[in-house]
Amino acid sequence: MKYFFIACLSLLYVSMSAQNYNYNAYQFPDLRVRGFNIGGNAFGNSLSFRDTNRWSGNVALSARYFSIVNTRKTQKLNQYRSDISYYKQDQPFTFIQIPSHEFNIFFNSYGENRRFTGLNNKGIQKFIEFDHIVNMDFNYQRFNNNLNPPVIRENQHEFNSWVALPVKLGRGRLEPLAGITVAEFLADDLLKAGLISQSFTQNQVFELAQKMVAVDNARVFDFRNANIFRLKELSAWLESQGISQTIETFTILNDNYNFAFSGLRNQGKQQSIGLIPIISATTERSDVWTTGFGLGLQYEWTHQKNISKNLHKAWRSTGSLYFMELEPVNVQSIIHAGIQHEITYVPISRTIINLSPFISAMFLDMENFASIAGLNGSANYFINNRLRITGSFQGNYFFNPTYSSNLIIPSIIMNDYFTFPAQGKTTRNVSVYQYFNEKFNFFGGLSFSYFLF
């Protein structure tokens, strides 16, 4: 067992100290891609029992639009999502009142639009960034008088929305490294199989990675047709490098391209400071609207470094100050700061391990203090051809010495430990701060599979 741990530490040290390529020289290819997808579903249920007939039905529609632009001058990501659903049911007298009609509309939009404006006196790129985060949710419920004994209940409707429009100034650039790790693992396997006499040069690795990005983002409909197209394009690139296209070459390509682990990786440093205006509008069960506004000042620093194909590290810290008059929020000022570190370790293409420690602190109205620290992790570990272990865990310690209760904070701030934005669906615009002053939370899971014969 002692030698096993020594071997593991030695492998980790070699991975951390090795750097075969200058990843700072890699340039993510110019990319312009967009897509629009729609979908829907419908279901129904009918039940007849003695003299009772019940039925219900639901119809739902969804739409997704995205656009991605990456050039030397621009980095853009825009996503739009909309969901519409209608539910109807017909039931005789019941002991609890349930809506006979329910209609819901949800809309979410998220965008990052960064434009590089030149170099500063240190030769570092400068940029200006205009972002947006929009959340809108409308729900309507109609009640029939189906209680026994009868009770009249009013129909209900609820609308929640908020909009944030961050404007940032910054310097630095994060260059995506998509395809780099897969290209390196592919070269290693080709060399091991004797299909090439020496490993790929830096230019070959970068060129192959750029080719992978191009084929990954080509809009080819039907996933099987898309996979055929991509493998053909990559096979043609290998052939252009003088690598014979045998069945062994193709199987190595297919295995690495479709199944090798790499993780999400970027390279570079970036920092920004920006203003974040927030507008909120809410109405519930009446025609009376409640509106509010907030203004935030945020600083953010990010550093991501690819040590080798086996190891990637990322650091992120942020500090923010918010002033707000948002209903039903009862907090007028928030000071927020936090730091996060992430390690991605890929010893072989079949194994990936992620660890992410973080710590965050917050002052509410300069009276209430709260902090949280934690560690998240996940692993997909290949032991041998018969045995694989997968697992994940999350652990955190929450400390609130002032023991404040009923502190209501905008979800836009509370969504991700210590930063905004909230990109997913939320039924309300706020989060209620916990009613305790100290809590430790840990949960996780572990699974394994072993093929006996």
Protein backbone atom coordinates (compact mmCIF):
# COMPACT_ATOMS: atom_id res chain seq x y z
CA MET A 1 0.00 0.00 0.00
CA LYS A 2 2.88 2.36 0.81
CA TYR A 3 4.33 1.89 -2.67
CA PHE A 4 0.92 2.49 -4.21
CA PHE A 5 0.66 5.94 -2.60
CA ILE A 6 4.26 6.75 -3.54
CA ALA A 7 3.50 5.85 -7.15
CA CYS A 8 0.36 8.04 -7.12
CA LEU A 9 2.25 11.01 -5.67
CA SER A 10 5.05 10.54 -8.20
CA LEU A 11 2.57 10.49 -11.06
CA LEU A 12 0.90 13.65 -9.76
CA TYR A 13 4.27 15.40 -9.41
CA VAL A 14 5.29 14.49 -12.95
CA SER A 15 1.94 15.72 -14.26
CA MET A 16 2.26 19.01 -12.38
CA SER A 17 5.82 19.70 -13.44
CA ALA A 18 5.55 18.64 -17.09
CA GLN A 19 4.56 21.18 -19.72
CA ASN A 20 5.16 19.92 -23.20
CA TYR A 21 3.54 22.81 -25.03
CA ASN A 22 3.26 26.56 -24.66
CA TYR A 23 -0.50 26.80 -24.18
CA ASN A 24 -0.30 30.60 -24.07
CA ALA A 25 0.48 30.51 -27.80
CA TYR A 26 -2.77 28.70 -28.67
CA GLN A 27 -5.53 30.71 -30.34
CA PHE A 28 -9.09 29.44 -30.31
CA PRO A 29 -10.30 29.59 -33.94
CA ASP A 30 -12.70 32.26 -35.16
CA LEU A 31 -16.16 30.88 -34.58
CA ARG A 32 -19.69 31.98 -35.43
CA VAL A 33 -22.42 29.49 -34.65
CA ARG A 34 -26.08 29.75 -33.77
CA GLY A 35 -28.98 27.38 -33.34
CA PHE A 36 -32.73 27.42 -32.79
CA ASN A 37 -34.54 24.39 -31.39
CA ILE A 38 -38.21 23.88 -30.57
CA GLY A 39 -39.97 21.01 -28.85
CA GLY A 40 -43.24 20.00 -27.31
CA ASN A 41 -45.06 17.27 -25.50
CA ALA A 42 -48.61 16.34 -24.58
CA PHE A 43 -50.09 13.73 -22.30
CA GLY A 44 -53.48 12.84 -20.86
CA ASN A 45 -55.04 10.57 -18.30
CA SER A 46 -58.58 9.27 -17.94
CA LEU A 47 -60.04 7.22 -15.09
CA SER A 48 -63.52 5.75 -14.68
CA PHE A 49 -64.44 4.21 -11.34
CA ARG A 50 -68.03 3.27 -10.50
CA ASP A 51 -70.00 6.47 -11.15
CA THR A 52 -66.90 8.69 -11.09
CA ASN A 53 -65.07 9.97 -14.16
CA ARG A 54 -61.79 11.84 -13.93
CA TRP A 55 -59.47 13.11 -16.62
CA SER A 56 -56.52 15.45 -16.97
CA GLY A 57 -54.29 16.66 -19.76
CA ASN A 58 -51.17 18.75 -20.27
CA VAL A 59 -49.62 20.47 -23.28
CA ALA A 60 -46.14 22.05 -23.21
CA LEU A 61 -44.00 23.88 -25.76
CA SER A 62 -40.39 24.97 -25.48
CA ALA A 63 -37.97 27.01 -27.58
CA ARG A 64 -34.20 27.52 -27.31
CA TYR A 65 -31.95 29.90 -29.22
CA PHE A 66 -28.21 30.38 -28.80
CA SER A 67 -25.42 32.19 -30.59
CA ILE A 68 -21.66 32.04 -30.01
CA VAL A 69 -19.05 34.33 -31.54
CA ASN A 70 -15.31 34.14 -30.93
CA THR A 71 -12.88 36.33 -32.86
CA ARG A 72 -9.76 38.31 -31.98
CA LYS A 73 -12.04 41.34 -31.41
CA THR A 74 -15.15 39.78 -29.89
CA GLN A 75 -16.32 37.08 -27.50
CA LYS A 76 -20.10 36.67 -27.33
CA LEU A 77 -22.51 34.18 -25.81
CA ASN A 78 -26.27 34.70 -25.98
CA GLN A 79 -28.92 32.24 -24.84
CA TYR A 80 -32.71 32.55 -24.94
CA ARG A 81 -35.16 30.08 -23.47
CA SER A 82 -38.96 30.04 -23.34
CA ASP A 83 -41.39 27.47 -21.94
CA ILE A 84 -45.19 27.48 -22.18
CA SER A 85 -47.44 24.91 -20.53
CA TYR A 86 -51.18 24.43 -20.04
CA TYR A 87 -52.77 21.93 -17.68
CA LYS A 88 -56.47 21.09 -17.34
CA GLN A 89 -58.31 18.55 -15.25
CA ASP A 90 -61.91 17.65 -14.51
CA GLN A 91 -62.73 16.01 -11.20
CA PRO A 92 -65.85 15.57 -9.09
CA PHE A 93 -66.07 16.70 -5.48
CA THR A 94 -62.81 16.41 -3.54
CA PHE A 95 -61.65 17.14 0.01
CA ILE A 96 -58.93 19.53 -1.17
CA GLN A 97 -59.30 22.21 -3.79
CA ILE A 98 -57.01 21.88 -6.77
CA PRO A 99 -56.82 24.11 -9.86
CA SER A 100 -58.89 22.98 -12.84
CA HIS A 101 -56.82 25.11 -15.24
CA GLU A 102 -53.18 26.14 -14.92
CA PHE A 103 -51.22 28.18 -17.45
CA ASN A 104 -47.52 29.03 -17.15
CA ILE A 105 -45.10 31.07 -19.25
CA PHE A 106 -41.39 31.25 -18.48
CA PHE A 107 -38.72 33.26 -20.29
CA ASN A 108 -35.02 33.52 -19.57
CA SER A 109 -32.27 35.31 -21.46
CA TYR A 110 -28.58 35.43 -20.65
CA GLY A 111 -25.86 37.18 -22.61
CA GLU A 112 -22.16 38.04 -22.37
CA ASN A 113 -20.90 40.44 -25.04
CA ARG A 114 -17.23 41.31 -24.70
CA ARG A 115 -15.41 43.54 -27.20
CA PHE A 116 -11.63 43.95 -27.09
CA THR A 117 -10.56 47.53 -27.68
CA GLY A 118 -6.76 47.25 -27.93
CA LEU A 119 -3.71 46.85 -25.71
CA ASN A 120 -2.68 48.74 -22.59
CA ASN A 121 0.88 49.98 -21.97
CA LYS A 122 1.84 46.48 -20.74
CA GLY A 123 0.64 44.80 -23.91
CA ILE A 124 -2.45 43.27 -22.22
CA GLN A 125 -5.75 43.29 -24.05
CA LYS A 126 -8.46 45.67 -22.82
CA PHE A 127 -12.18 45.10 -23.21
CA ILE A 128 -15.62 46.54 -22.58
CA GLU A 129 -18.47 44.18 -21.82
CA PHE A 130 -22.27 44.54 -21.99
CA ASP A 131 -24.21 41.67 -20.41
CA HIS A 132 -27.84 40.97 -19.70
CA ILE A 133 -29.81 38.60 -17.50
CA VAL A 134 -33.61 38.50 -17.83
CA ASN A 135 -36.02 36.27 -15.92
CA MET A 136 -39.82 36.38 -16.32
CA ASP A 137 -42.34 33.89 -14.95
CA PHE A 138 -46.15 34.10 -15.22
CA ASN A 139 -48.54 31.61 -13.62
CA TYR A 140 -52.35 31.55 -13.74
CA GLN A 141 -54.59 29.15 -11.81
CA ARG A 142 -58.35 28.82 -12.13
CA PHE A 143 -60.37 27.01 -9.48
CA ASN A 144 -63.75 25.37 -9.85
CA ASN A 145 -66.15 24.99 -6.96
CA ASN A 146 -65.53 21.25 -6.55
CA LEU A 147 -65.14 21.00 -2.79
CA ASN A 148 -67.57 19.12 -0.62
CA PRO A 149 -68.91 21.16 1.11
CA PRO A 150 -68.63 23.93 -1.55
CA VAL A 151 -66.14 26.75 -0.97
CA ILE A 152 -65.65 29.70 -3.27
CA ARG A 153 -61.98 30.35 -4.07
CA GLU A 154 -60.68 33.14 -6.27
CA ASN A 155 -58.58 32.51 -9.33
CA GLN A 156 -54.90 33.26 -8.84
CA HIS A 157 -52.21 34.77 -11.00
CA GLU A 158 -48.61 35.60 -10.26
CA PHE A 159 -45.94 37.41 -12.27
CA ASN A 160 -42.29 37.69 -11.24
CA SER A 161 -39.53 39.35 -13.23
CA TRP A 162 -36.14 40.91 -12.86
CA VAL A 163 -33.60 42.32 -15.26
CA ALA A 164 -29.89 42.94 -14.69
CA LEU A 165 -27.72 44.81 -17.21
CA PRO A 166 -24.05 44.61 -16.13
CA VAL A 167 -21.55 46.91 -17.82
CA LYS A 168 -17.87 46.08 -17.29
CA LEU A 169 -14.42 47.37 -18.12
CA GLY A 170 -11.52 44.97 -17.92
CA ARG A 171 -8.27 43.59 -19.20
CA GLY A 172 -6.95 40.17 -20.12
CA ARG A 173 -8.43 37.32 -22.10
CA LEU A 174 -9.43 33.73 -21.36
CA GLU A 175 -8.63 31.53 -24.36
CA PRO A 176 -10.68 28.31 -24.57
CA LEU A 177 -8.51 25.20 -24.93
CA ALA A 178 -11.20 22.95 -26.38
CA GLY A 179 -9.68 19.96 -28.17
CA ILE A 180 -6.12 20.41 -26.88
CA THR A 181 -6.18 17.59 -24.33
CA VAL A 182 -7.93 15.16 -26.67
CA ALA A 183 -5.37 15.90 -29.39
CA GLU A 184 -2.52 15.14 -26.96
CA PHE A 185 -4.06 11.85 -25.80
CA LEU A 186 -4.69 10.90 -29.44
CA ALA A 187 -1.05 11.53 -30.32
CA ASP A 188 0.11 9.45 -27.33
CA ASP A 189 -2.03 6.48 -28.41
CA LEU A 190 -0.88 6.70 -32.04
CA LEU A 191 2.74 6.75 -30.87
CA LYS A 192 2.20 3.84 -28.49
CA ALA A 193 0.61 1.80 -31.30
CA GLY A 194 3.58 2.51 -33.58
CA LEU A 195 1.46 4.38 -36.13
CA ILE A 196 3.65 7.51 -35.85
CA SER A 197 7.39 7.66 -35.19
CA GLN A 198 7.29 10.70 -32.89
CA SER A 199 4.65 12.63 -30.98
CA PHE A 200 2.85 15.58 -32.54
CA THR A 201 4.63 18.91 -32.59
CA GLN A 202 3.04 21.90 -30.91
CA ASN A 203 1.78 23.21 -34.25
CA GLN A 204 0.19 19.85 -35.06
CA VAL A 205 -1.55 19.63 -31.68
CA PHE A 206 -2.88 23.18 -31.99
CA GLU A 207 -4.00 22.64 -35.60
CA LEU A 208 -5.80 19.40 -34.71
CA ALA A 209 -7.50 21.07 -31.73
CA GLN A 210 -8.72 23.89 -33.97
CA LYS A 211 -10.02 21.30 -36.43
CA MET A 212 -11.93 19.58 -33.62
CA VAL A 213 -13.51 22.89 -32.61
CA ALA A 214 -14.60 23.52 -36.20
CA VAL A 215 -16.26 20.12 -36.65
CA ASP A 216 -17.79 20.19 -33.15
CA ASN A 217 -19.61 23.43 -33.94
CA ALA A 218 -20.74 22.55 -37.45
CA ARG A 219 -24.55 22.32 -37.47
CA VAL A 220 -25.11 18.79 -38.75
CA PHE A 221 -28.57 17.51 -37.84
CA ASP A 222 -29.03 14.00 -36.41
CA PHE A 223 -26.32 12.98 -33.97
CA ARG A 224 -25.31 9.91 -35.99
CA ASN A 225 -24.80 11.93 -39.17
CA ALA A 226 -22.91 14.52 -37.12
CA ASN A 227 -20.55 11.88 -35.71
CA ILE A 228 -19.88 10.44 -39.18
CA PHE A 229 -19.14 13.91 -40.55
CA ARG A 230 -16.75 14.75 -37.71
CA LEU A 231 -14.82 11.49 -37.87
CA LYS A 232 -14.44 11.84 -41.66
CA GLU A 233 -13.05 15.36 -41.30
CA LEU A 234 -10.60 14.36 -38.58
CA SER A 235 -9.51 11.26 -40.50
CA ALA A 236 -8.78 13.48 -43.50
CA TRP A 237 -6.64 15.74 -41.31
CA LEU A 238 -4.62 12.76 -40.01
CA GLU A 239 -4.11 11.59 -43.58
CA SER A 240 -2.86 15.06 -44.55
CA GLN A 241 -0.13 14.60 -41.91
CA GLY A 242 1.07 11.41 -43.59
CA ILE A 243 -0.63 9.04 -41.13
CA SER A 244 -1.99 5.98 -42.92
CA GLN A 245 -5.72 5.40 -42.47
CA THR A 246 -5.94 1.85 -41.21
CA ILE A 247 -8.65 0.35 -39.04
CA GLU A 248 -6.33 0.72 -36.03
CA THR A 249 -5.85 4.43 -36.74
CA PHE A 250 -9.59 4.93 -37.04
CA THR A 251 -10.40 3.07 -33.81
CA ILE A 252 -7.84 5.15 -31.89
CA LEU A 253 -9.34 8.33 -33.36
CA ASN A 254 -12.90 7.29 -32.54
CA ASP A 255 -11.99 6.18 -29.02
CA ASN A 256 -10.26 9.44 -28.09
CA TYR A 257 -12.56 11.84 -29.89
CA ASN A 258 -15.79 10.38 -28.50
CA PHE A 259 -14.74 9.07 -25.10
CA ALA A 260 -11.54 10.68 -23.77
CA PHE A 261 -11.97 12.87 -20.67
CA SER A 262 -10.53 16.37 -20.77
CA GLY A 263 -12.67 18.77 -18.70
CA LEU A 264 -13.52 22.38 -19.49
CA ARG A 265 -10.25 24.28 -19.84
CA ASN A 266 -9.21 27.87 -20.53
CA GLN A 267 -5.87 29.62 -20.50
CA GLY A 268 -5.11 33.14 -19.35
CA LYS A 269 -5.91 35.87 -16.84
CA GLN A 270 -8.80 38.30 -16.79
CA GLN A 271 -10.05 40.96 -14.42
CA SER A 272 -12.92 43.41 -14.64
CA ILE A 273 -14.89 46.00 -12.70
CA GLY A 274 -18.46 46.84 -13.51
CA LEU A 275 -21.80 48.36 -12.56
CA ILE A 276 -24.85 46.10 -12.28
CA PRO A 277 -28.25 47.82 -12.39
CA ILE A 278 -31.14 45.55 -11.37
CA ILE A 279 -34.87 46.12 -11.95
CA SER A 280 -37.64 43.98 -10.48
CA ALA A 281 -41.42 43.86 -11.02
CA THR A 282 -43.89 41.57 -9.24
CA THR A 283 -47.64 41.18 -8.95
CA GLU A 284 -49.56 38.49 -7.09
CA ARG A 285 -53.33 37.86 -6.91
CA SER A 286 -54.12 41.47 -7.71
CA ASP A 287 -53.51 44.22 -10.21
CA VAL A 288 -51.16 46.02 -7.83
CA TRP A 289 -47.57 46.00 -9.07
CA THR A 290 -44.55 46.04 -6.82
CA THR A 291 -41.39 47.37 -8.44
CA GLY A 292 -37.89 47.97 -7.23
CA PHE A 293 -34.33 48.63 -8.26
CA GLY A 294 -30.81 47.91 -7.17
CA LEU A 295 -27.28 48.88 -8.15
CA GLY A 296 -24.17 46.79 -7.69
CA LEU A 297 -20.45 47.43 -8.07
CA GLN A 298 -18.45 44.27 -8.73
CA TYR A 299 -14.79 43.36 -9.19
CA GLU A 300 -13.86 39.96 -10.60
CA TRP A 301 -10.48 38.27 -11.15
CA THR A 302 -9.95 34.95 -12.93
CA HIS A 303 -6.77 33.00 -13.64
CA GLN A 304 -6.81 29.67 -15.47
CA LYS A 305 -3.68 27.71 -16.28
CA ASN A 306 -3.22 24.46 -18.16
CA ILE A 307 -0.18 22.77 -16.61
CA SER A 308 -0.25 19.77 -18.95
CA LYS A 309 -2.76 17.46 -20.55
CA ASN A 310 -3.07 15.83 -17.12
CA LEU A 311 -3.58 18.88 -14.93
CA HIS A 312 -5.52 22.14 -15.09
CA LYS A 313 -5.92 24.78 -12.38
CA ALA A 314 -8.29 27.72 -12.05
CA TRP A 315 -8.62 30.54 -9.50
CA ARG A 316 -11.51 32.97 -9.25
CA SER A 317 -12.21 35.75 -6.78
CA THR A 318 -14.84 38.43 -6.65
CA GLY A 319 -15.96 41.32 -4.48
CA SER A 320 -19.19 43.27 -4.77
CA LEU A 321 -21.25 45.99 -3.14
CA TYR A 322 -25.01 46.21 -3.69
CA PHE A 323 -27.58 48.86 -2.77
CA MET A 324 -31.21 47.99 -3.40
CA GLU A 325 -34.86 48.86 -2.95
CA LEU A 326 -36.48 45.63 -4.09
CA GLU A 327 -39.72 44.12 -2.82
CA PRO A 328 -40.10 41.87 -0.88
CA VAL A 329 -36.35 42.16 -0.16
CA ASN A 330 -35.74 43.66 3.28
CA VAL A 331 -31.97 44.08 2.88
CA GLN A 332 -30.76 47.46 1.62
CA SER A 333 -27.02 46.82 1.27
CA ILE A 334 -24.82 43.78 0.72
CA ILE A 335 -21.03 43.50 0.77
CA HIS A 336 -19.90 40.24 -0.76
CA ALA A 337 -16.45 38.66 -1.27
CA GLY A 338 -15.23 35.20 -2.09
CA ILE A 339 -12.56 33.06 -3.68
CA GLN A 340 -12.69 29.69 -5.42
CA HIS A 341 -10.01 27.29 -6.63
CA GLU A 342 -10.59 24.39 -9.01
CA ILE A 343 -8.29 21.51 -9.91
CA THR A 344 -8.94 19.12 -12.78
CA TYR A 345 -6.71 16.05 -12.84
CA VAL A 346 -6.78 13.64 -15.80
CA PRO A 347 -3.99 11.05 -15.28
CA ILE A 348 -5.21 9.01 -18.28
CA SER A 349 -7.92 9.62 -20.84
CA ARG A 350 -10.25 7.22 -18.98
CA THR A 351 -10.08 8.97 -15.60
CA ILE A 352 -11.01 12.48 -14.45
CA ILE A 353 -10.95 13.97 -10.94
CA ASN A 354 -12.26 17.44 -9.98
CA LEU A 355 -11.76 19.28 -6.69
CA SER A 356 -13.07 22.76 -5.92
CA PRO A 357 -12.59 24.45 -2.50
CA PHE A 358 -14.26 27.82 -1.93
CA ILE A 359 -14.91 30.41 0.76
CA SER A 360 -17.32 33.34 0.80
CA ALA A 361 -18.26 36.11 3.24
CA MET A 362 -21.13 38.59 3.32
CA PHE A 363 -22.22 41.65 5.31
CA LEU A 364 -25.92 42.52 5.23
CA ASP A 365 -26.80 46.14 6.08
CA MET A 366 -23.44 46.37 7.90
CA GLU A 367 -25.07 44.55 10.84
CA ASN A 368 -25.38 40.90 9.93
CA PHE A 369 -22.41 38.76 8.96
CA ALA A 370 -22.46 35.37 7.29
CA SER A 371 -19.84 33.14 5.72
CA ILE A 372 -19.64 29.80 3.99
CA ALA A 373 -16.68 27.55 3.18
CA GLY A 374 -16.73 24.25 1.41
CA LEU A 375 -15.22 21.65 -0.85
CA ASN A 376 -16.85 19.99 -3.85
CA GLY A 377 -15.44 17.04 -5.71
CA SER A 378 -16.19 14.41 -8.31
CA ALA A 379 -14.35 11.48 -9.87
CA ASN A 380 -14.78 9.01 -12.67
CA TYR A 381 -11.93 6.60 -11.99
CA PHE A 382 -10.80 3.77 -14.24
CA ILE A 383 -9.18 0.92 -12.27
CA ASN A 384 -8.95 -1.69 -15.02
CA ASN A 385 -11.04 -3.03 -17.89
CA ARG A 386 -13.43 -4.69 -15.45
CA LEU A 387 -13.67 -2.14 -12.65
CA ARG A 388 -14.63 1.54 -12.63
CA ILE A 389 -15.52 3.77 -9.67
CA THR A 390 -17.54 7.00 -9.90
CA GLY A 391 -18.56 9.38 -7.17
CA SER A 392 -19.17 12.96 -6.10
CA PHE A 393 -19.52 14.92 -2.88
CA GLN A 394 -20.32 18.39 -1.58
CA GLY A 395 -19.41 19.64 1.86
CA ASN A 396 -19.80 23.12 3.34
CA TYR A 397 -19.81 24.92 6.65
CA PHE A 398 -22.18 27.86 7.12
CA PHE A 399 -21.55 30.40 9.88
CA ASN A 400 -23.94 33.23 10.79
CA PRO A 401 -22.95 34.56 14.25
CA THR A 402 -25.60 37.30 14.30
CA TYR A 403 -28.31 34.64 13.95
CA SER A 404 -30.44 36.73 11.61
CA SER A 405 -33.70 35.24 10.42
CA ASN A 406 -36.06 36.22 7.64
CA LEU A 407 -33.37 38.08 5.73
CA ILE A 408 -34.65 38.04 2.15
CA ILE A 409 -31.95 38.38 -0.51
CA PRO A 410 -32.29 38.59 -4.32
CA SER A 411 -31.66 35.25 -6.01
CA ILE A 412 -29.47 37.04 -8.55
CA ILE A 413 -26.84 37.34 -5.81
CA MET A 414 -27.35 34.10 -3.89
CA ASN A 415 -27.41 31.72 -6.84
CA ASP A 416 -23.74 30.70 -6.99
CA TYR A 417 -21.98 30.91 -3.60
CA PHE A 418 -20.74 34.45 -3.98
CA THR A 419 -21.55 35.80 -7.39
CA PHE A 420 -24.29 36.38 -9.93
CA PRO A 421 -26.05 35.64 -12.27
CA ALA A 422 -28.93 33.22 -11.87
CA GLN A 423 -29.32 31.57 -15.26
CA GLY A 424 -31.89 28.92 -14.41
CA LYS A 425 -35.58 29.01 -13.70
CA THR A 426 -36.67 30.33 -10.30
CA THR A 427 -40.24 30.52 -9.07
CA ARG A 428 -39.52 33.66 -7.10
CA ASN A 429 -36.95 36.41 -7.24
CA VAL A 430 -35.70 36.01 -3.69
CA SER A 431 -34.06 33.60 -1.27
CA VAL A 432 -34.77 33.54 2.46
CA TYR A 433 -31.57 33.48 4.50
CA GLN A 434 -31.46 30.50 6.83
CA TYR A 435 -32.89 30.58 10.35
CA PHE A 436 -29.77 29.12 11.99
CA ASN A 437 -26.42 30.54 12.97
CA GLU A 438 -24.26 27.49 12.24
CA LYS A 439 -24.59 24.47 9.99
CA PHE A 440 -22.36 21.80 8.52
CA ASN A 441 -23.65 19.98 5.49
CA PHE A 442 -22.14 17.04 3.63
CA PHE A 443 -23.57 14.69 1.09
CA GLY A 444 -22.16 12.49 -1.62
CA GLY A 445 -22.32 9.17 -3.32
CA LEU A 446 -20.07 6.44 -4.61
CA SER A 447 -20.76 3.72 -7.13
CA PHE A 448 -18.73 1.02 -8.80
CA SER A 449 -19.25 -1.59 -11.48
CA TYR A 450 -17.30 -4.81 -11.84
CA PHE A 451 -17.69 -7.31 -14.66
CA LEU A 452 -17.17 -10.82 -13.28
CA PHE A 453 -17.38 -12.61 -16.63
